[in-house]
Protein backbone atom coordinates (compact mmCIF):
# COMPACT_ATOMS: atom_id res chain seq x y z
CA UNK A 1 -24.01 -6.01 -7.10
CA UNK A 2 -21.64 -6.04 -3.92
CA UNK A 3 -18.65 -3.81 -3.83
CA UNK A 4 -15.47 -5.70 -5.19
CA UNK A 5 -13.46 -4.32 -2.14
CA UNK A 6 -14.75 -3.50 0.92
CA UNK A 7 -14.53 -0.14 3.44
CA UNK A 8 -12.28 -1.71 5.87
CA UNK A 9 -9.87 -3.10 3.54
CA UNK A 10 -9.87 0.16 1.42
CA UNK A 11 -9.20 2.09 4.38
CA UNK A 12 -6.33 -0.81 6.09
CA UNK A 13 -2.90 -0.33 7.06
CA UNK A 14 -0.95 -2.76 8.97
CA UNK A 15 2.40 -1.58 11.09
CA UNK A 16 5.64 -2.98 10.33
CA UNK A 17 8.94 -2.20 11.69
CA UNK A 18 9.58 1.59 12.53
CA UNK A 19 11.46 3.84 10.08
CA UNK A 20 14.15 5.89 11.22
CA UNK A 21 12.35 6.57 14.57
CA UNK A 22 9.19 7.01 13.15
CA UNK A 23 5.82 4.31 13.64
CA UNK A 24 5.84 2.62 10.27
CA UNK A 25 2.38 0.93 8.13
CA UNK A 26 2.06 -0.07 4.79
CA UNK A 27 -1.26 0.36 2.78
CA UNK A 28 -3.32 -3.48 2.73
CA UNK A 29 -5.30 -1.93 -0.95
CA UNK A 30 -4.64 1.06 -3.18
CA UNK A 31 -6.77 1.86 -5.87
CA UNK A 32 -5.70 4.22 -9.44
CA UNK A 33 -8.98 5.56 -10.81
CA UNK A 34 -9.16 5.12 -14.85
CA UNK A 35 -7.13 7.38 -16.47
CA UNK A 36 -5.91 8.62 -13.46
CA UNK A 37 -2.25 9.95 -13.22
CA UNK A 38 -2.11 8.08 -9.48
CA UNK A 39 -3.90 6.55 -6.60
CA UNK A 40 -7.09 7.97 -5.72
CA UNK A 41 -6.10 10.76 -3.10
CA UNK A 42 -8.82 10.33 -0.91
CA UNK A 43 -7.63 6.70 -0.43
CA UNK A 44 -4.33 7.94 0.62
CA UNK A 45 -5.86 10.60 2.72
CA UNK A 46 -8.12 8.08 4.95
CA UNK A 47 -4.96 5.33 5.23
CA UNK A 48 -2.89 8.55 6.61
CA UNK A 49 -5.42 9.12 9.07
CA UNK A 50 -5.53 5.53 10.17
CA UNK A 51 -1.91 5.28 10.48
CA UNK A 52 -1.91 8.37 12.53
CA UNK A 53 -4.83 7.02 14.56
CA UNK A 54 -2.60 4.42 15.34
CA UNK A 55 -0.07 6.10 17.54
CA UNK A 56 -2.13 7.64 19.80
CA UNK A 57 -4.54 6.29 22.36
CA UNK A 58 -8.15 7.25 23.10
CA UNK A 59 -8.30 10.30 21.32
CA UNK A 60 -10.97 11.63 18.70
CA UNK A 61 -9.68 13.05 15.70
CA UNK A 62 -10.39 17.07 15.17
CA UNK A 63 -8.78 17.92 11.90
CA UNK A 64 -6.26 17.05 9.24
CA UNK A 65 -5.02 19.03 6.26
CA UNK A 66 -2.75 17.09 3.90
CA UNK A 67 -0.28 18.30 1.14
CA UNK A 68 -0.13 15.74 -1.99
CA UNK A 69 3.95 16.34 -2.86
CA UNK A 70 3.98 13.85 -5.65
CA UNK A 71 1.50 11.29 -7.68
CA UNK A 72 1.87 8.02 -5.92
CA UNK A 73 2.13 5.42 -8.95
CA UNK A 74 0.40 2.08 -8.16
CA UNK A 75 3.21 -0.46 -9.83
CA UNK A 76 3.06 -4.33 -9.79
CA UNK A 77 6.15 -6.63 -9.13
CA UNK A 78 6.13 -10.02 -9.47
CA UNK A 79 2.20 -9.70 -9.89
CA UNK A 80 1.81 -8.37 -6.86
CA UNK A 81 0.83 -4.70 -5.33
CA UNK A 82 3.87 -2.45 -4.47
CA UNK A 83 2.59 -0.91 -1.69
CA UNK A 84 3.61 2.48 -0.18
CA UNK A 85 5.15 3.27 3.21
CA UNK A 86 3.26 5.36 5.83
CA UNK A 87 4.92 6.93 8.66
CA UNK A 88 3.51 8.65 11.55
CA UNK A 89 4.66 9.75 14.55
CA UNK A 90 2.61 11.21 17.86
CA UNK A 91 6.14 12.78 19.26
CA UNK A 92 8.41 15.54 17.33
CA UNK A 93 11.61 14.23 17.32
CA UNK A 94 12.97 17.38 19.25
CA UNK A 95 10.97 17.65 22.64
CA UNK A 96 8.42 20.46 23.42
CA UNK A 97 6.83 21.93 25.95
CA UNK A 98 3.90 19.56 27.09
CA UNK A 99 0.61 20.96 26.04
CA UNK A 100 -2.10 20.86 28.91
CA UNK A 101 -4.33 18.25 28.86
CA UNK A 102 -7.32 20.56 27.29
CA UNK A 103 -4.99 21.69 24.09
CA UNK A 104 -4.85 19.58 20.97
CA UNK A 105 -2.68 16.49 20.72
CA UNK A 106 -1.12 15.91 17.26
CA UNK A 107 0.09 13.11 15.11
CA UNK A 108 2.36 14.01 12.26
CA UNK A 109 1.96 11.91 9.31
CA UNK A 110 4.34 11.27 6.09
CA UNK A 111 3.31 8.54 3.36
CA UNK A 112 6.31 7.61 1.02
CA UNK A 113 6.40 5.65 -2.12
CA UNK A 114 9.27 2.82 -3.05
CA UNK A 115 11.65 5.09 -3.27
CA UNK A 116 11.15 7.00 0.02
CA UNK A 117 10.06 10.19 -1.86
CA UNK A 118 7.04 11.93 0.19
CA UNK A 119 3.72 11.76 -1.63
CA UNK A 120 1.79 13.30 1.31
CA UNK A 121 2.84 15.11 4.30
CA UNK A 122 1.00 17.30 7.11
CA UNK A 123 -0.68 17.37 10.62
CA UNK A 124 -3.64 15.40 12.07
CA UNK A 125 -4.92 17.04 15.00
CA UNK A 126 -6.46 14.77 18.05
CA UNK A 127 -8.86 16.62 20.93
CA UNK A 128 -8.50 15.87 24.59
CA UNK A 129 -11.84 14.41 25.00
CA UNK A 130 -11.74 10.51 25.43
CA UNK A 131 -13.45 8.52 22.82
CA UNK A 132 -17.35 8.80 22.91
CA UNK A 133 -17.32 11.77 25.18
CA UNK A 134 -19.28 14.65 23.94
CA UNK A 135 -17.76 18.29 23.62
CA UNK A 136 -20.91 19.65 25.47
CA UNK A 137 -20.57 17.00 28.28
CA UNK A 138 -21.70 17.94 31.73
CA UNK A 139 -18.89 19.46 33.81
CA UNK A 140 -16.67 20.52 30.98
CA UNK A 141 -17.98 24.11 30.40
CA UNK A 142 -15.07 26.38 28.57
CA UNK A 143 -17.04 29.48 28.77
CA UNK A 144 -14.87 32.34 28.70
CA UNK A 145 -15.33 35.61 31.19
CA UNK A 146 -15.01 39.34 29.94
CA UNK A 147 -14.74 42.30 31.82
CA UNK A 148 -17.99 44.19 29.99
CA UNK A 149 -17.96 47.73 31.59
CA UNK A 150 -21.25 48.61 32.92
CA UNK A 151 -23.25 51.81 32.25
CA UNK A 152 -23.30 52.90 35.72
CA UNK A 153 -19.23 53.20 35.76
CA UNK A 154 -19.04 54.85 32.31
CA UNK A 155 -17.44 58.02 31.92
CA UNK A 156 -20.40 59.46 29.70
CA UNK A 157 -22.91 61.68 31.24
CA UNK A 158 -25.83 59.26 32.34
CA UNK A 159 -28.41 60.36 29.58
CA UNK A 160 -26.07 59.74 26.63
CA UNK A 161 -24.96 56.51 27.94
CA UNK A 162 -28.86 55.59 28.18
CA UNK A 163 -29.17 56.91 24.81
CA UNK A 164 -26.20 54.62 23.18
CA UNK A 165 -27.88 52.18 25.26
CA UNK A 166 -30.89 52.42 23.80
CA UNK A 167 -29.85 52.40 20.32
CA UNK A 168 -28.05 49.14 20.56
CA UNK A 169 -29.18 46.26 18.27
CA UNK A 170 -31.06 43.79 20.60
CA UNK A 171 -28.31 41.06 20.96
CA UNK A 172 -28.60 37.13 19.41
CA UNK A 173 -29.86 34.93 22.24
CA UNK A 174 -27.46 32.64 23.34
CA UNK A 175 -27.53 29.11 21.38
CA UNK A 176 -25.18 26.46 22.47
CA UNK A 177 -25.18 25.44 18.50
CA UNK A 178 -24.75 26.79 15.36
CA UNK A 179 -24.33 25.33 11.53
CA UNK A 180 -25.00 26.58 8.23
CA UNK A 181 -28.30 25.70 7.65
CA UNK A 182 -28.77 22.04 5.55
CA UNK A 183 -29.88 23.20 1.86
CA UNK A 184 -33.26 22.94 1.03
CA UNK A 185 -33.17 22.68 -2.49
CA UNK A 186 -31.64 19.24 -3.37
CA UNK A 187 -33.19 15.89 -4.57
CA UNK A 188 -33.67 13.48 -1.73
CA UNK A 189 -31.18 10.20 -1.59
CA UNK A 190 -34.35 8.47 -2.33
CA UNK A 191 -35.64 10.83 -5.10
CA UNK A 192 -31.78 10.21 -6.71
CA UNK A 193 -30.37 7.92 -9.47
CA UNK A 194 -27.07 6.41 -8.78
CA UNK A 195 -24.22 7.60 -10.88
CA UNK A 196 -23.39 4.20 -12.39
CA UNK A 197 -27.36 3.98 -13.75
CA UNK A 198 -27.05 7.51 -14.59
CA UNK A 199 -24.32 6.77 -17.22
CA UNK A 200 -25.66 3.23 -18.32
CA UNK A 201 -28.94 5.34 -19.41
CA UNK A 202 -26.84 8.00 -21.12
CA UNK A 203 -24.94 5.15 -23.11
CA UNK A 204 -28.26 3.30 -23.98
CA UNK A 205 -29.82 6.71 -24.97
CA UNK A 206 -26.66 7.78 -27.11
CA UNK A 207 -26.98 4.19 -28.85
CA UNK A 208 -30.46 4.47 -29.37
CA UNK A 209 -30.02 7.43 -31.26
CA UNK A 210 -27.49 6.39 -33.25
CA UNK A 211 -24.66 8.49 -31.96
CA UNK A 212 -20.93 7.42 -32.29
CA UNK A 213 -19.17 8.14 -29.08
CA UNK A 214 -15.89 6.67 -30.15
CA UNK A 215 -13.22 6.22 -27.04
CA UNK A 216 -15.96 8.62 -24.71
CA UNK A 217 -17.84 5.54 -24.50
CA UNK A 218 -14.89 3.42 -23.43
CA UNK A 219 -14.24 6.03 -20.96
CA UNK A 220 -18.10 6.18 -19.58
CA UNK A 221 -18.11 2.26 -19.81
CA UNK A 222 -15.14 2.29 -17.22
CA UNK A 223 -16.41 4.42 -15.10
CA UNK A 224 -19.41 2.79 -14.64
CA UNK A 225 -17.73 -0.61 -13.84
CA UNK A 226 -15.59 1.65 -11.66
CA UNK A 227 -18.86 2.94 -9.68
CA UNK A 228 -20.15 -0.97 -9.37
CA UNK A 229 -17.44 -2.08 -7.60
CA UNK A 230 -16.81 1.18 -5.28
CA UNK A 231 -17.84 0.57 -1.77
CA UNK A 232 -19.49 4.31 -1.90
CA UNK A 233 -22.16 4.73 -4.47
CA UNK A 234 -22.42 8.24 -5.45
CA UNK A 235 -25.96 10.24 -6.91
CA UNK A 236 -26.28 13.75 -8.00
CA UNK A 237 -28.43 15.96 -5.53
CA UNK A 238 -27.83 19.17 -7.27
CA UNK A 239 -26.60 19.64 -10.69
CA UNK A 240 -24.14 22.38 -11.28
CA UNK A 241 -25.92 24.39 -13.57
CA UNK A 242 -27.65 27.73 -14.09
CA UNK A 243 -28.12 29.65 -10.70
CA UNK A 244 -25.79 26.72 -8.95
CA UNK A 245 -22.97 27.23 -11.86
CA UNK A 246 -20.22 27.56 -8.88
CA UNK A 247 -21.70 24.88 -6.98
CA UNK A 248 -22.70 21.57 -6.98
CA UNK A 249 -24.14 18.86 -4.13
CA UNK A 250 -23.71 14.51 -3.98
CA UNK A 251 -24.83 12.27 -2.04
CA UNK A 252 -22.28 9.60 -0.88
CA UNK A 253 -23.56 6.27 0.61
CA UNK A 254 -21.18 3.80 2.36
CA UNK A 255 -21.79 0.27 1.39
CA UNK A 256 -20.78 -1.37 4.41
CA UNK A 257 -20.35 -5.18 4.81
CA UNK A 258 -22.83 -7.01 7.22
CA UNK A 259 -20.69 -7.69 9.86
CA UNK A 260 -18.30 -4.67 8.85
CA UNK A 261 -18.29 -2.47 12.24
CA UNK A 262 -16.30 1.19 12.41
CA UNK A 263 -14.89 3.12 15.06
CA UNK A 264 -15.66 6.69 15.34
CA UNK A 265 -11.76 7.54 14.12
CA UNK A 266 -11.87 5.20 11.26
CA UNK A 267 -15.36 6.75 10.38
CA UNK A 268 -13.77 10.17 10.17
CA UNK A 269 -10.97 8.75 7.83
CA UNK A 270 -13.94 7.57 5.95
CA UNK A 271 -15.10 10.73 5.34
CA UNK A 272 -11.79 11.92 4.13
CA UNK A 273 -12.01 9.22 1.50
CA UNK A 274 -15.81 10.39 0.39
CA UNK A 275 -15.07 13.77 0.18
CA UNK A 276 -12.74 13.65 -2.50
CA UNK A 277 -14.96 12.55 -4.98
CA UNK A 278 -15.59 15.57 -7.67
CA UNK A 279 -14.41 17.91 -5.23
CA UNK A 280 -11.73 19.90 -7.12
CA UNK A 281 -13.81 18.57 -10.34
CA UNK A 282 -16.23 21.91 -9.16
CA UNK A 283 -13.68 24.46 -9.63
CA UNK A 284 -13.26 23.04 -13.33
CA UNK A 285 -17.12 23.21 -13.97
CA UNK A 286 -17.42 26.86 -12.39
CA UNK A 287 -15.09 28.24 -15.30
CA UNK A 288 -16.72 25.84 -18.04
CA UNK A 289 -13.55 23.38 -18.50
CA UNK A 290 -14.47 19.85 -19.30
CA UNK A 291 -13.18 16.94 -21.76
CA UNK A 292 -15.63 18.19 -24.50
CA UNK A 293 -15.31 21.99 -23.64
CA UNK A 294 -13.27 24.44 -25.87
CA UNK A 295 -10.68 25.00 -24.64
CA UNK A 296 -10.74 21.74 -22.99
CA UNK A 297 -10.06 20.74 -19.63
CA UNK A 298 -5.99 20.10 -19.72
CA UNK A 299 -5.25 18.73 -16.56
CA UNK A 300 -6.71 18.46 -13.01
CA UNK A 301 -5.29 17.37 -9.32
CA UNK A 302 -5.58 17.75 -6.04
CA UNK A 303 -2.73 19.64 -4.25
CA UNK A 304 -4.29 19.46 -0.65
CA UNK A 305 -7.38 18.39 1.41
CA UNK A 306 -8.29 19.77 4.94
CA UNK A 307 -11.25 18.72 7.39
CA UNK A 308 -12.37 19.84 10.59
CA UNK A 309 -14.58 17.49 12.20
CA UNK A 310 -17.62 18.08 14.33
CA UNK A 311 -18.43 15.52 17.11
CA UNK A 312 -20.86 12.65 15.63
CA UNK A 313 -24.10 12.84 16.43
CA UNK A 314 -25.84 10.70 19.04
CA UNK A 315 -26.93 7.47 17.12
CA UNK A 316 -25.24 8.01 14.15
CA UNK A 317 -25.53 5.77 11.53
CA UNK A 318 -22.79 5.78 8.85
CA UNK A 319 -25.01 3.35 6.46
CA UNK A 320 -26.90 5.93 5.51
CA UNK A 321 -26.23 8.52 2.77
CA UNK A 322 -24.18 11.75 3.43
CA UNK A 323 -24.85 15.20 1.48
CA UNK A 324 -21.53 17.04 0.08
CA UNK A 325 -22.22 20.39 -0.57
CA UNK A 326 -18.96 21.83 -2.55
CA UNK A 327 -18.60 25.22 -4.03
CA UNK A 328 -15.87 27.07 -5.73
CA UNK A 329 -14.06 29.72 -4.06
CA UNK A 330 -11.71 30.85 -6.67
CA UNK A 331 -10.61 30.13 -9.79
CA UNK A 332 -7.55 31.34 -11.38
CA UNK A 333 -6.83 29.69 -15.18
CA UNK A 334 -3.72 31.40 -15.89
CA UNK A 335 -2.07 30.40 -13.08
CA UNK A 336 -3.64 26.86 -13.05
CA UNK A 337 -5.25 27.12 -9.78
CA UNK A 338 -8.70 26.48 -8.14
CA UNK A 339 -9.84 26.40 -4.42
CA UNK A 340 -12.94 24.69 -3.16
CA UNK A 341 -15.15 24.48 -0.34
CA UNK A 342 -17.31 21.91 1.16
CA UNK A 343 -20.08 21.03 3.89
CA UNK A 344 -20.39 17.26 5.13
CA UNK A 345 -24.28 16.67 6.26
CA UNK A 346 -26.08 13.55 7.36
CA UNK A 347 -29.63 13.12 5.79
CA UNK A 348 -31.61 14.68 8.24
CA UNK A 349 -29.21 17.74 8.04
CA UNK A 350 -26.44 17.55 10.87
CA UNK A 351 -23.45 19.17 9.82
CA UNK A 352 -20.58 16.18 10.13
CA UNK A 353 -17.45 18.28 8.81
CA UNK A 354 -16.23 21.27 6.78
CA UNK A 355 -13.95 20.44 3.95
CA UNK A 356 -11.42 22.73 1.74
CA UNK A 357 -8.76 21.72 -1.00
CA UNK A 358 -6.89 23.47 -3.20
CA UNK A 359 -5.78 21.70 -6.94
CA UNK A 360 -4.49 21.99 -10.39
CA UNK A 361 -7.40 23.49 -13.12
CA UNK A 362 -5.67 24.02 -16.04
CA UNK A 363 -6.93 24.36 -19.89
CA UNK A 364 -5.54 22.86 -22.95
CA UNK A 365 -4.93 25.65 -25.15
CA UNK A 366 -3.78 26.31 -28.64
CA UNK A 367 -0.10 28.00 -29.08
CA UNK A 368 -1.27 31.45 -29.31
CA UNK A 369 -4.33 30.92 -26.89
CA UNK A 370 -3.10 30.49 -23.86
CA UNK A 371 -3.80 32.88 -21.01
CA UNK A 372 -0.73 34.47 -19.56
CA UNK A 373 -0.11 34.71 -15.53
CA UNK A 374 0.66 38.43 -14.34
CA UNK A 375 4.57 37.58 -14.18
CA UNK A 376 4.29 36.48 -17.64
CA UNK A 377 2.83 39.43 -18.93
CA UNK A 378 5.37 41.82 -17.50
CA UNK A 379 8.11 39.97 -18.94
CA UNK A 380 6.66 40.38 -22.74
CA UNK A 381 6.21 44.05 -21.78
CA UNK A 382 9.83 44.89 -20.78
CA UNK A 383 10.99 42.88 -23.81
CA UNK A 384 8.87 45.51 -25.85
């Protein structure tokens, strides 16, 4: 089944008249997942990066860190979608000293709703290389020299210096590249089941056993419909369970149309869209919270999203599945916060980007069961 909306339309922004001196853009389409409080954060991130990219020339996206200020409500007026306005600029209002050419250029992004209240803000940085130029290109060495004392110049007696050198561990050999290795215990894309089929099988099994799921069945069917219409396919590469109770891995496969071609910055913006799927949910599952747990998951929402990109490998194919390995770094239910980090790989093991996200993770407790933060504990103790 072909996706309802193409990747190009999902990420598209169109320029409009400048707003208060800012370059301004508006979204072509917005998507609010079933049951969500607002528009999907990954799409907001991707469109913001697209807007920022339109304010610079011949620069590659290096990193981004976006903060969600308010939920963006997907409204309708006269049967037409009310689109958000995104404003970006490549030069701050007040002049700053010009950076050397080798330093990073940056574009600030701001996205606002119809009331001009900011919904997302943060920097998007671009490296100093032209598009298509590798950081390891000949003649672009960025090595740094250090004055390392030679044993012959040491103030120590020669025999003491020789003994110290002999006892020193052998240094690691020089290597041009390093990355955290691709995980070995994930299910290959060819053996994984896409989520729409997995959940359809779940509903069939429940019906066969005579289980009455009620509203849960409708929620699952809504999710199946969304997955079938999405331009991104998702499949579980490693369940978050057992020894992997704090980590999960999912395959993400873009479904491009026959004539769709994405440039490098659009591909990196797409990474921002894709990696928001199930990201902060990793934190909730880590502490045993879900829609059916006791206590039940009360609220979950992303607060920010950051990415650092590696150069795309030669002959990179965006139609191939990508692996996002996500891990909870910390979760504190009393304060309602969770922090997750991730690694995005090609299916043959190249690390494309590192990701991180903080979000709200709250449990729904009874009146007398809700955990308290340290501040509340101290306030209660002061009353005793």
